[in-house]
Amino acid sequence: TIDTLGKQVTLQGTVGRNGEPTSVLDGGGAVRVLTCQNGETGATIFENLVVQNGAATVAFPGDRGGGMYNQNNSSPTLTNCTFDGNSADYGGGMYNYAGSSPTLTGCTFTGNSADSGGGMWNVSSSPILTGCTFDGNSARDGGGMFNNGDSPTLTNGTFAGNSANFGGGMYNINGSSPTLTG
């Protein structure tokens, strides 16, 4: 697990011919891949990365955020990152909690799974997503995204092929009011 410890760091990978990220951070199906839990700001940057096979379990603090776990007002910047094949009870790809509102541009969530929020789970957080894709994620509630009392902003995003018992693409409860444009 990579924990940025509240520091302003940049973790930048490489891209292939078509601009897709080629640098892989792999949790091996055993650990969470990324953690921001110390008030990280937009100056903590993740770019051109594939975050895959992360797993959050009760034994590994909390069962939230297999690919990435953000809490305590942590709001990093992510650009051109892919979250693939991650799993957790809450937020298979990404978990955002307690005022954590990351900014994501051109990110993809695919093949992630969770009980709630296969791709992304948000509670009391309002992430900003531009040009992001949620495809082929699965959960009991909120295959692509699960929102609990928050207001994420999504611009020019795509939800396709996600599955859930409730809210295949997106599931909203407790006054969540996402803004979707395009």
C-alpha atoms as a PDB file:
ATOM      1  CA  THR A   1       0.000   0.000   0.000  1.00  0.00           C
ATOM      2  CA  ILE A   2       1.247   3.453  -0.909  1.00  0.00           C
ATOM      3  CA  ASP A   3       0.250   6.025   1.744  1.00  0.00           C
ATOM      4  CA  THR A   4       1.211   9.607   0.842  1.00  0.00           C
ATOM      5  CA  LEU A   5       1.160  10.598   4.556  1.00  0.00           C
ATOM      6  CA  GLY A   6      -0.279  14.056   3.809  1.00  0.00           C
ATOM      7  CA  LYS A   7       2.663  15.042   1.627  1.00  0.00           C
ATOM      8  CA  GLN A   8       2.537  16.966  -1.637  1.00  0.00           C
ATOM      9  CA  VAL A   9       3.969  14.336  -3.940  1.00  0.00           C
ATOM     10  CA  THR A  10       3.550  13.439  -7.588  1.00  0.00           C
ATOM     11  CA  LEU A  11       3.393   9.816  -8.666  1.00  0.00           C
ATOM     12  CA  GLN A  12       3.568   9.909 -12.459  1.00  0.00           C
ATOM     13  CA  GLY A  13       3.553   6.909 -14.743  1.00  0.00           C
ATOM     14  CA  THR A  14       4.095   6.521 -18.459  1.00  0.00           C
ATOM     15  CA  VAL A  15       1.663   6.285 -21.365  1.00  0.00           C
ATOM     16  CA  GLY A  16       1.415   4.055 -24.423  1.00  0.00           C
ATOM     17  CA  ARG A  17       0.983   5.078 -28.067  1.00  0.00           C
ATOM     18  CA  ASN A  18      -2.694   5.896 -27.610  1.00  0.00           C
ATOM     19  CA  GLY A  19      -2.188   7.849 -24.390  1.00  0.00           C
ATOM     20  CA  GLU A  20      -3.319   4.993 -22.122  1.00  0.00           C
ATOM     21  CA  PRO A  21      -1.497   4.589 -18.813  1.00  0.00           C
ATOM     22  CA  THR A  22       1.093   1.798 -18.795  1.00  0.00           C
ATOM     23  CA  SER A  23       2.593   2.028 -15.303  1.00  0.00           C
ATOM     24  CA  VAL A  24       0.909  -0.545 -13.048  1.00  0.00           C
ATOM     25  CA  LEU A  25       0.408  -0.502  -9.278  1.00  0.00           C
ATOM     26  CA  ASP A  26      -0.866  -3.984  -8.392  1.00  0.00           C
ATOM     27  CA  GLY A  27      -2.305  -4.975  -5.012  1.00  0.00           C
ATOM     28  CA  GLY A  28      -2.026  -8.661  -5.871  1.00  0.00           C
ATOM     29  CA  GLY A  29      -5.573  -9.240  -4.608  1.00  0.00           C
ATOM     30  CA  ALA A  30      -4.285  -8.911  -1.054  1.00  0.00           C
ATOM     31  CA  VAL A  31      -3.881  -5.203  -0.111  1.00  0.00           C
ATOM     32  CA  ARG A  32      -5.296  -1.766  -0.825  1.00  0.00           C
ATOM     33  CA  VAL A  33      -3.155   0.037  -3.420  1.00  0.00           C
ATOM     34  CA  LEU A  34      -3.332   3.790  -2.556  1.00  0.00           C
ATOM     35  CA  THR A  35      -4.223   5.699   0.624  1.00  0.00           C
ATOM     36  CA  CYS A  36      -4.684   9.428   1.272  1.00  0.00           C
ATOM     37  CA  GLN A  37      -5.895  10.013   4.844  1.00  0.00           C
ATOM     38  CA  ASN A  38      -3.976  12.991   6.169  1.00  0.00           C
ATOM     39  CA  GLY A  39      -5.622  15.995   4.510  1.00  0.00           C
ATOM     40  CA  GLU A  40      -3.852  15.723   1.159  1.00  0.00           C
ATOM     41  CA  THR A  41      -4.666  18.577  -1.222  1.00  0.00           C
ATOM     42  CA  GLY A  42      -4.771  18.872  -4.984  1.00  0.00           C
ATOM     43  CA  ALA A  43      -0.971  19.165  -4.829  1.00  0.00           C
ATOM     44  CA  THR A  44      -0.837  15.399  -4.212  1.00  0.00           C
ATOM     45  CA  ILE A  45      -0.950  14.107  -7.786  1.00  0.00           C
ATOM     46  CA  PHE A  46      -1.424  10.674  -9.352  1.00  0.00           C
ATOM     47  CA  GLU A  47      -1.049  10.574 -13.132  1.00  0.00           C
ATOM     48  CA  ASN A  48      -0.924   7.912 -15.870  1.00  0.00           C
ATOM     49  CA  LEU A  49      -1.322   4.945 -13.506  1.00  0.00           C
ATOM     50  CA  VAL A  50      -3.139   1.625 -13.616  1.00  0.00           C
ATOM     51  CA  VAL A  51      -4.342   0.758 -10.107  1.00  0.00           C
ATOM     52  CA  GLN A  52      -5.333  -2.895 -10.171  1.00  0.00           C
ATOM     53  CA  ASN A  53      -6.143  -5.936  -8.065  1.00  0.00           C
ATOM     54  CA  GLY A  54      -6.405  -3.979  -4.824  1.00  0.00           C
ATOM     55  CA  ALA A  55      -8.410  -5.576  -2.047  1.00  0.00           C
ATOM     56  CA  ALA A  56      -9.642  -4.030   1.174  1.00  0.00           C
ATOM     57  CA  THR A  57     -10.622  -6.465   3.897  1.00  0.00           C
ATOM     58  CA  VAL A  58     -11.686  -6.164   7.505  1.00  0.00           C
ATOM     59  CA  ALA A  59      -8.209  -7.326   8.527  1.00  0.00           C
ATOM     60  CA  PHE A  60      -6.550  -4.529   6.533  1.00  0.00           C
ATOM     61  CA  PRO A  61      -7.805  -1.413   8.237  1.00  0.00           C
ATOM     62  CA  GLY A  62     -11.371  -1.284   7.121  1.00  0.00           C
ATOM     63  CA  ASP A  63     -13.084  -2.942   4.245  1.00  0.00           C
ATOM     64  CA  ARG A  64     -13.192   0.196   2.132  1.00  0.00           C
ATOM     65  CA  GLY A  65     -11.440   1.310  -1.031  1.00  0.00           C
ATOM     66  CA  GLY A  66      -9.679  -1.615  -2.674  1.00  0.00           C
ATOM     67  CA  GLY A  67      -7.971   0.580  -5.266  1.00  0.00           C
ATOM     68  CA  MET A  68      -7.823   3.885  -3.380  1.00  0.00           C
ATOM     69  CA  TYR A  69      -8.946   5.072   0.057  1.00  0.00           C
ATOM     70  CA  ASN A  70      -9.456   8.813   0.723  1.00  0.00           C
ATOM     71  CA  GLN A  71     -10.607  10.194   4.113  1.00  0.00           C
ATOM     72  CA  ASN A  72     -10.155  13.126   6.513  1.00  0.00           C
ATOM     73  CA  ASN A  73     -10.502  15.914   3.923  1.00  0.00           C
ATOM     74  CA  SER A  74      -8.025  14.304   1.544  1.00  0.00           C
ATOM     75  CA  SER A  75      -8.580  15.588  -1.980  1.00  0.00           C
ATOM     76  CA  PRO A  76      -5.758  14.505  -4.313  1.00  0.00           C
ATOM     77  CA  THR A  77      -5.658  15.098  -8.057  1.00  0.00           C
ATOM     78  CA  LEU A  78      -5.867  12.102 -10.411  1.00  0.00           C
ATOM     79  CA  THR A  79      -5.353  12.343 -14.161  1.00  0.00           C
ATOM     80  CA  ASN A  80      -5.524   9.543 -16.739  1.00  0.00           C
ATOM     81  CA  CYS A  81      -5.649   6.773 -14.143  1.00  0.00           C
ATOM     82  CA  THR A  82      -7.364   3.405 -14.562  1.00  0.00           C
ATOM     83  CA  PHE A  83      -8.865   1.485 -11.645  1.00  0.00           C
ATOM     84  CA  ASP A  84      -9.279  -2.127 -12.720  1.00  0.00           C
ATOM     85  CA  GLY A  85     -10.256  -5.307 -10.891  1.00  0.00           C
ATOM     86  CA  ASN A  86     -10.224  -3.854  -7.371  1.00  0.00           C
ATOM     87  CA  SER A  87     -12.565  -5.090  -4.622  1.00  0.00           C
ATOM     88  CA  ALA A  88     -13.884  -4.052  -1.217  1.00  0.00           C
ATOM     89  CA  ASP A  89     -17.119  -4.095   0.740  1.00  0.00           C
ATOM     90  CA  TYR A  90     -17.452  -0.339   0.053  1.00  0.00           C
ATOM     91  CA  GLY A  91     -15.871   1.356  -2.965  1.00  0.00           C
ATOM     92  CA  GLY A  92     -14.132  -1.358  -4.947  1.00  0.00           C
ATOM     93  CA  GLY A  93     -12.231   1.134  -7.113  1.00  0.00           C
ATOM     94  CA  MET A  94     -12.253   4.207  -4.834  1.00  0.00           C
ATOM     95  CA  TYR A  95     -13.685   5.173  -1.453  1.00  0.00           C
ATOM     96  CA  ASN A  96     -14.145   8.856  -0.515  1.00  0.00           C
ATOM     97  CA  TYR A  97     -15.147   9.769   3.049  1.00  0.00           C
ATOM     98  CA  ALA A  98     -15.368  12.706   5.480  1.00  0.00           C
ATOM     99  CA  GLY A  99     -14.885  15.698   3.218  1.00  0.00           C
ATOM    100  CA  SER A 100     -12.532  13.968   0.793  1.00  0.00           C
ATOM    101  CA  SER A 101     -13.239  15.370  -2.654  1.00  0.00           C
ATOM    102  CA  PRO A 102     -10.582  14.306  -5.141  1.00  0.00           C
ATOM    103  CA  THR A 103     -10.468  15.798  -8.626  1.00  0.00           C
ATOM    104  CA  LEU A 104     -10.382  13.186 -11.385  1.00  0.00           C
ATOM    105  CA  THR A 105      -9.810  13.885 -15.071  1.00  0.00           C
ATOM    106  CA  GLY A 106      -9.884  11.235 -17.785  1.00  0.00           C
ATOM    107  CA  CYS A 107      -9.974   8.342 -15.316  1.00  0.00           C
ATOM    108  CA  THR A 108     -11.515   4.927 -15.947  1.00  0.00           C
ATOM    109  CA  PHE A 109     -13.144   2.532 -13.490  1.00  0.00           C
ATOM    110  CA  THR A 110     -13.596  -0.934 -14.955  1.00  0.00           C
ATOM    111  CA  GLY A 111     -14.194  -4.396 -13.549  1.00  0.00           C
ATOM    112  CA  ASN A 112     -14.240  -3.276  -9.909  1.00  0.00           C
ATOM    113  CA  SER A 113     -16.591  -4.905  -7.411  1.00  0.00           C
ATOM    114  CA  ALA A 114     -18.054  -4.174  -3.975  1.00  0.00           C
ATOM    115  CA  ASP A 115     -21.119  -4.681  -1.853  1.00  0.00           C
ATOM    116  CA  SER A 116     -21.817  -0.935  -2.357  1.00  0.00           C
ATOM    117  CA  GLY A 117     -20.164   1.265  -4.969  1.00  0.00           C
ATOM    118  CA  GLY A 118     -18.367  -1.080  -7.330  1.00  0.00           C
ATOM    119  CA  GLY A 119     -16.478   1.716  -9.070  1.00  0.00           C
ATOM    120  CA  MET A 120     -16.673   4.489  -6.452  1.00  0.00           C
ATOM    121  CA  TRP A 121     -18.306   5.002  -3.044  1.00  0.00           C
ATOM    122  CA  ASN A 122     -18.803   8.533  -1.684  1.00  0.00           C
ATOM    123  CA  VAL A 123     -20.072   9.583   1.741  1.00  0.00           C
ATOM    124  CA  SER A 124     -20.008  13.210   2.915  1.00  0.00           C
ATOM    125  CA  SER A 125     -17.633  13.936   0.035  1.00  0.00           C
ATOM    126  CA  SER A 126     -18.056  15.682  -3.297  1.00  0.00           C
ATOM    127  CA  PRO A 127     -15.485  14.523  -5.844  1.00  0.00           C
ATOM    128  CA  ILE A 128     -15.177  16.357  -9.160  1.00  0.00           C
ATOM    129  CA  LEU A 129     -14.959  14.097 -12.219  1.00  0.00           C
ATOM    130  CA  THR A 130     -14.362  15.244 -15.792  1.00  0.00           C
ATOM    131  CA  GLY A 131     -14.300  12.853 -18.739  1.00  0.00           C
ATOM    132  CA  CYS A 132     -14.337   9.757 -16.528  1.00  0.00           C
ATOM    133  CA  THR A 133     -15.728   6.342 -17.482  1.00  0.00           C
ATOM    134  CA  PHE A 134     -17.428   3.722 -15.307  1.00  0.00           C
ATOM    135  CA  ASP A 135     -17.694   0.484 -17.265  1.00  0.00           C
ATOM    136  CA  GLY A 136     -18.315  -3.098 -16.187  1.00  0.00           C
ATOM    137  CA  ASN A 137     -18.306  -2.492 -12.418  1.00  0.00           C
ATOM    138  CA  SER A 138     -20.612  -4.467 -10.131  1.00  0.00           C
ATOM    139  CA  ALA A 139     -22.163  -4.167  -6.670  1.00  0.00           C
ATOM    140  CA  ARG A 140     -25.334  -4.929  -4.769  1.00  0.00           C
ATOM    141  CA  ASP A 141     -26.014  -1.158  -4.657  1.00  0.00           C
ATOM    142  CA  GLY A 142     -24.464   1.319  -7.092  1.00  0.00           C
ATOM    143  CA  GLY A 143     -22.572  -0.696  -9.677  1.00  0.00           C
ATOM    144  CA  GLY A 144     -20.752   2.336 -11.060  1.00  0.00           C
ATOM    145  CA  MET A 145     -21.079   4.817  -8.174  1.00  0.00           C
ATOM    146  CA  PHE A 146     -22.750   4.930  -4.747  1.00  0.00           C
ATOM    147  CA  ASN A 147     -23.458   8.336  -3.152  1.00  0.00           C
ATOM    148  CA  ASN A 148     -24.482   8.760   0.486  1.00  0.00           C
ATOM    149  CA  GLY A 149     -25.239  12.361   1.516  1.00  0.00           C
ATOM    150  CA  ASP A 150     -22.921  14.100  -0.914  1.00  0.00           C
ATOM    151  CA  SER A 151     -22.874  16.050  -4.174  1.00  0.00           C
ATOM    152  CA  PRO A 152     -20.301  14.847  -6.692  1.00  0.00           C
ATOM    153  CA  THR A 153     -19.928  16.758  -9.955  1.00  0.00           C
ATOM    154  CA  LEU A 154     -19.577  14.740 -13.156  1.00  0.00           C
ATOM    155  CA  THR A 155     -18.923  16.357 -16.526  1.00  0.00           C
ATOM    156  CA  ASN A 156     -18.812  14.454 -19.829  1.00  0.00           C
ATOM    157  CA  GLY A 157     -18.706  11.087 -18.073  1.00  0.00           C
ATOM    158  CA  THR A 158     -19.825   7.672 -19.276  1.00  0.00           C
ATOM    159  CA  PHE A 159     -21.631   4.910 -17.395  1.00  0.00           C
ATOM    160  CA  ALA A 160     -21.913   1.660 -19.377  1.00  0.00           C
ATOM    161  CA  GLY A 161     -22.260  -2.020 -18.571  1.00  0.00           C
ATOM    162  CA  ASN A 162     -22.340  -1.621 -14.788  1.00  0.00           C
ATOM    163  CA  SER A 163     -24.593  -3.922 -12.777  1.00  0.00           C
ATOM    164  CA  ALA A 164     -26.307  -3.869  -9.377  1.00  0.00           C
ATOM    165  CA  ASN A 165     -29.556  -4.859  -7.701  1.00  0.00           C
ATOM    166  CA  PHE A 166     -30.202  -1.145  -7.143  1.00  0.00           C
ATOM    167  CA  GLY A 167     -28.660   1.585  -9.297  1.00  0.00           C
ATOM    168  CA  GLY A 168     -26.601  -0.173 -11.949  1.00  0.00           C
ATOM    169  CA  GLY A 169     -24.957   3.074 -13.026  1.00  0.00           C
ATOM    170  CA  MET A 170     -25.428   5.215  -9.913  1.00  0.00           C
ATOM    171  CA  TYR A 171     -27.258   4.881  -6.589  1.00  0.00           C
ATOM    172  CA  ASN A 172     -28.059   7.959  -4.457  1.00  0.00           C
ATOM    173  CA  ILE A 173     -29.338   8.036  -0.848  1.00  0.00           C
ATOM    174  CA  ASN A 174     -29.642  10.410   2.140  1.00  0.00           C
ATOM    175  CA  GLY A 175     -30.006  13.656   0.207  1.00  0.00           C
ATOM    176  CA  SER A 176     -27.259  13.058  -2.328  1.00  0.00           C
ATOM    177  CA  SER A 177     -27.553  15.513  -5.192  1.00  0.00           C
ATOM    178  CA  PRO A 178     -24.956  14.809  -7.883  1.00  0.00           C
ATOM    179  CA  THR A 179     -24.591  17.224 -10.773  1.00  0.00           C
ATOM    180  CA  LEU A 180     -24.239  15.514 -14.149  1.00  0.00           C
ATOM    181  CA  THR A 181     -23.456  17.495 -17.295  1.00  0.00           C
ATOM    182  CA  GLY A 182     -23.044  16.009 -20.766  1.00  0.00           C
END
